[in-house]
Amino acid sequence: MKEYVIYKLINKEFDGFLLCLSFDSIANYLENIEKEPMISNSKGVLLVDQLLVTGDGRNRFILCPFDNGKIDVNSIKNVHPSEDYRKLSVELLQKNFSFLHNSILTDQQKESIKKGVAF
């Protein structure tokens, strides 16, 4: 079972979206991410939502440049993306709700996800 969901985006802002599904740092499964076809066969920018790692704070979203199977960890930076990505996270978490049971999220946040409300 993967500790993340990766989603190819078709827009000009980001090339992919990754939602962490565990409380572990992305560094713990970076090698697996780099083997994903979208990452290993192209170049671009990956938006990562670390909600289950950091909570809904300023470190929640990070930007990770990648180039043919390598994520440039030295170029990772915090970003504040549009509301659309918060909505995408909620949609993906609804499909993976079992990961929320022992997460750092509050009961109110879990209820928001269940109802499809982005935060």
C-alpha atoms as a PDB file:
ATOM      1  CA  MET A   1       0.000   0.000   0.000  1.00  0.00           C
ATOM      2  CA  LYS A   2       1.364   3.405  -0.983  1.00  0.00           C
ATOM      3  CA  GLU A   3       1.775   6.227   1.510  1.00  0.00           C
ATOM      4  CA  TYR A   4       0.669   8.730  -1.101  1.00  0.00           C
ATOM      5  CA  VAL A   5      -1.617   9.393  -4.030  1.00  0.00           C
ATOM      6  CA  ILE A   6      -0.096  10.948  -7.133  1.00  0.00           C
ATOM      7  CA  TYR A   7      -2.262  12.698  -9.668  1.00  0.00           C
ATOM      8  CA  LYS A   8      -1.262  14.102 -13.067  1.00  0.00           C
ATOM      9  CA  LEU A   9      -2.434  17.669 -13.579  1.00  0.00           C
ATOM     10  CA  ILE A  10      -3.168  19.265 -16.897  1.00  0.00           C
ATOM     11  CA  ASN A  11      -2.636  22.946 -16.319  1.00  0.00           C
ATOM     12  CA  LYS A  12       0.119  25.494 -16.574  1.00  0.00           C
ATOM     13  CA  GLU A  13       0.773  25.955 -12.883  1.00  0.00           C
ATOM     14  CA  PHE A  14       1.893  22.450 -11.789  1.00  0.00           C
ATOM     15  CA  ASP A  15       2.513  19.177 -13.603  1.00  0.00           C
ATOM     16  CA  GLY A  16       1.499  16.823 -10.811  1.00  0.00           C
ATOM     17  CA  PHE A  17      -0.129  16.693  -7.408  1.00  0.00           C
ATOM     18  CA  LEU A  18       0.911  14.400  -4.578  1.00  0.00           C
ATOM     19  CA  LEU A  19      -1.120  13.890  -1.425  1.00  0.00           C
ATOM     20  CA  CYS A  20       0.677  12.275   1.500  1.00  0.00           C
ATOM     21  CA  LEU A  21      -1.479   9.586   3.151  1.00  0.00           C
ATOM     22  CA  SER A  22       0.670   8.983   6.220  1.00  0.00           C
ATOM     23  CA  PHE A  23       2.283  11.044   8.941  1.00  0.00           C
ATOM     24  CA  ASP A  24       5.752  10.123   7.637  1.00  0.00           C
ATOM     25  CA  SER A  25       7.887  12.712   5.921  1.00  0.00           C
ATOM     26  CA  ILE A  26       7.944  12.577   2.136  1.00  0.00           C
ATOM     27  CA  ALA A  27      11.688  11.900   2.482  1.00  0.00           C
ATOM     28  CA  ASN A  28      10.853   8.394   3.781  1.00  0.00           C
ATOM     29  CA  TYR A  29       9.333   7.343   0.451  1.00  0.00           C
ATOM     30  CA  LEU A  30      11.054   9.707  -1.966  1.00  0.00           C
ATOM     31  CA  GLU A  31      12.633   6.805  -3.896  1.00  0.00           C
ATOM     32  CA  ASN A  32       9.200   5.303  -4.572  1.00  0.00           C
ATOM     33  CA  ILE A  33       7.854   8.640  -5.768  1.00  0.00           C
ATOM     34  CA  GLU A  34      10.801   9.069  -8.106  1.00  0.00           C
ATOM     35  CA  LYS A  35       9.936   5.706  -9.694  1.00  0.00           C
ATOM     36  CA  GLU A  36       6.380   6.786 -10.534  1.00  0.00           C
ATOM     37  CA  PRO A  37       5.971   6.963 -14.337  1.00  0.00           C
ATOM     38  CA  MET A  38       4.905  10.598 -14.262  1.00  0.00           C
ATOM     39  CA  ILE A  39       8.086  11.553 -12.365  1.00  0.00           C
ATOM     40  CA  SER A  40      10.558   9.133 -13.948  1.00  0.00           C
ATOM     41  CA  ASN A  41       9.688   9.987 -17.548  1.00  0.00           C
ATOM     42  CA  SER A  42       9.283  13.746 -17.575  1.00  0.00           C
ATOM     43  CA  LYS A  43      10.314  17.096 -16.184  1.00  0.00           C
ATOM     44  CA  GLY A  44       8.152  19.499 -14.236  1.00  0.00           C
ATOM     45  CA  VAL A  45       6.883  20.681 -10.895  1.00  0.00           C
ATOM     46  CA  LEU A  46       5.059  18.590  -8.307  1.00  0.00           C
ATOM     47  CA  LEU A  47       2.725  20.177  -5.763  1.00  0.00           C
ATOM     48  CA  VAL A  48       2.728  18.170  -2.532  1.00  0.00           C
ATOM     49  CA  ASP A  49       0.012  18.395   0.116  1.00  0.00           C
ATOM     50  CA  GLN A  50       1.417  17.331   3.496  1.00  0.00           C
ATOM     51  CA  LEU A  51      -1.852  17.821   5.430  1.00  0.00           C
ATOM     52  CA  LEU A  52      -1.499  14.504   7.283  1.00  0.00           C
ATOM     53  CA  VAL A  53       2.162  15.241   8.046  1.00  0.00           C
ATOM     54  CA  THR A  54       2.118  18.903   9.091  1.00  0.00           C
ATOM     55  CA  GLY A  55      -1.556  19.721   9.567  1.00  0.00           C
ATOM     56  CA  ASP A  56      -3.267  22.695   7.976  1.00  0.00           C
ATOM     57  CA  GLY A  57      -0.462  25.179   8.612  1.00  0.00           C
ATOM     58  CA  ARG A  58       1.930  27.187   6.508  1.00  0.00           C
ATOM     59  CA  ASN A  59       4.068  24.113   5.705  1.00  0.00           C
ATOM     60  CA  ARG A  60       1.134  22.178   4.298  1.00  0.00           C
ATOM     61  CA  PHE A  61       1.923  22.648   0.593  1.00  0.00           C
ATOM     62  CA  ILE A  62       5.370  22.359  -0.925  1.00  0.00           C
ATOM     63  CA  LEU A  63       6.628  22.654  -4.461  1.00  0.00           C
ATOM     64  CA  CYS A  64       9.094  20.029  -5.718  1.00  0.00           C
ATOM     65  CA  PRO A  65      10.818  20.362  -9.088  1.00  0.00           C
ATOM     66  CA  PHE A  66      11.568  17.028 -10.777  1.00  0.00           C
ATOM     67  CA  ASP A  67      13.561  15.968 -13.795  1.00  0.00           C
ATOM     68  CA  ASN A  68      13.471  12.422 -15.218  1.00  0.00           C
ATOM     69  CA  GLY A  69      13.235  10.499 -11.983  1.00  0.00           C
ATOM     70  CA  LYS A  70      14.920  12.903  -9.605  1.00  0.00           C
ATOM     71  CA  ILE A  71      13.203  15.316  -7.267  1.00  0.00           C
ATOM     72  CA  ASP A  72      15.403  18.299  -6.534  1.00  0.00           C
ATOM     73  CA  VAL A  73      15.145  18.350  -2.726  1.00  0.00           C
ATOM     74  CA  ASN A  74      17.370  21.437  -2.565  1.00  0.00           C
ATOM     75  CA  SER A  75      14.761  23.445  -4.479  1.00  0.00           C
ATOM     76  CA  ILE A  76      11.698  22.497  -2.414  1.00  0.00           C
ATOM     77  CA  LYS A  77       9.766  25.507  -1.183  1.00  0.00           C
ATOM     78  CA  ASN A  78       6.541  26.276   0.643  1.00  0.00           C
ATOM     79  CA  VAL A  79       3.688  27.580  -1.487  1.00  0.00           C
ATOM     80  CA  HIS A  80       0.106  28.714  -1.017  1.00  0.00           C
ATOM     81  CA  PRO A  81      -1.829  27.308  -3.993  1.00  0.00           C
ATOM     82  CA  SER A  82      -5.367  28.152  -5.013  1.00  0.00           C
ATOM     83  CA  GLU A  83      -8.436  26.694  -3.331  1.00  0.00           C
ATOM     84  CA  ASP A  84      -8.762  24.166  -6.172  1.00  0.00           C
ATOM     85  CA  TYR A  85      -5.936  22.090  -4.702  1.00  0.00           C
ATOM     86  CA  ARG A  86      -7.525  22.025  -1.261  1.00  0.00           C
ATOM     87  CA  LYS A  87     -10.687  20.724  -2.937  1.00  0.00           C
ATOM     88  CA  LEU A  88      -8.672  18.080  -4.801  1.00  0.00           C
ATOM     89  CA  SER A  89      -7.135  16.959  -1.504  1.00  0.00           C
ATOM     90  CA  VAL A  90     -10.566  16.572   0.060  1.00  0.00           C
ATOM     91  CA  GLU A  91     -11.778  14.523  -2.911  1.00  0.00           C
ATOM     92  CA  LEU A  92      -8.750  12.230  -2.692  1.00  0.00           C
ATOM     93  CA  LEU A  93      -9.043  11.923   1.099  1.00  0.00           C
ATOM     94  CA  GLN A  94     -12.709  10.981   0.810  1.00  0.00           C
ATOM     95  CA  LYS A  95     -11.597   8.045  -1.355  1.00  0.00           C
ATOM     96  CA  ASN A  96      -8.893   7.144   1.199  1.00  0.00           C
ATOM     97  CA  PHE A  97     -10.804   7.980   4.376  1.00  0.00           C
ATOM     98  CA  SER A  98      -9.379   5.041   6.348  1.00  0.00           C
ATOM     99  CA  PHE A  99      -6.023   6.882   6.482  1.00  0.00           C
ATOM    100  CA  LEU A 100      -7.629   9.608   8.595  1.00  0.00           C
ATOM    101  CA  HIS A 101      -8.579   7.491  11.591  1.00  0.00           C
ATOM    102  CA  ASN A 102      -5.252   7.831  13.409  1.00  0.00           C
ATOM    103  CA  SER A 103      -4.127  11.041  11.738  1.00  0.00           C
ATOM    104  CA  ILE A 104      -3.283  14.392  13.321  1.00  0.00           C
ATOM    105  CA  LEU A 105      -6.476  15.919  11.950  1.00  0.00           C
ATOM    106  CA  THR A 106      -9.120  17.158  14.338  1.00  0.00           C
ATOM    107  CA  ASP A 107     -12.563  15.590  14.415  1.00  0.00           C
ATOM    108  CA  GLN A 108     -13.906  18.774  12.802  1.00  0.00           C
ATOM    109  CA  GLN A 109     -11.410  18.474   9.918  1.00  0.00           C
ATOM    110  CA  LYS A 110     -12.289  14.803   9.419  1.00  0.00           C
ATOM    111  CA  GLU A 111     -15.976  15.723   9.359  1.00  0.00           C
ATOM    112  CA  SER A 112     -15.258  18.454   6.776  1.00  0.00           C
ATOM    113  CA  ILE A 113     -13.539  15.886   4.561  1.00  0.00           C
ATOM    114  CA  LYS A 114     -16.415  13.457   4.965  1.00  0.00           C
ATOM    115  CA  LYS A 115     -18.819  16.227   3.848  1.00  0.00           C
ATOM    116  CA  GLY A 116     -16.556  17.313   0.980  1.00  0.00           C
ATOM    117  CA  VAL A 117     -15.748  20.730   2.449  1.00  0.00           C
ATOM    118  CA  ALA A 118     -12.262  22.044   1.649  1.00  0.00           C
ATOM    119  CA  PHE A 119     -10.182  23.785   4.311  1.00  0.00           C
END
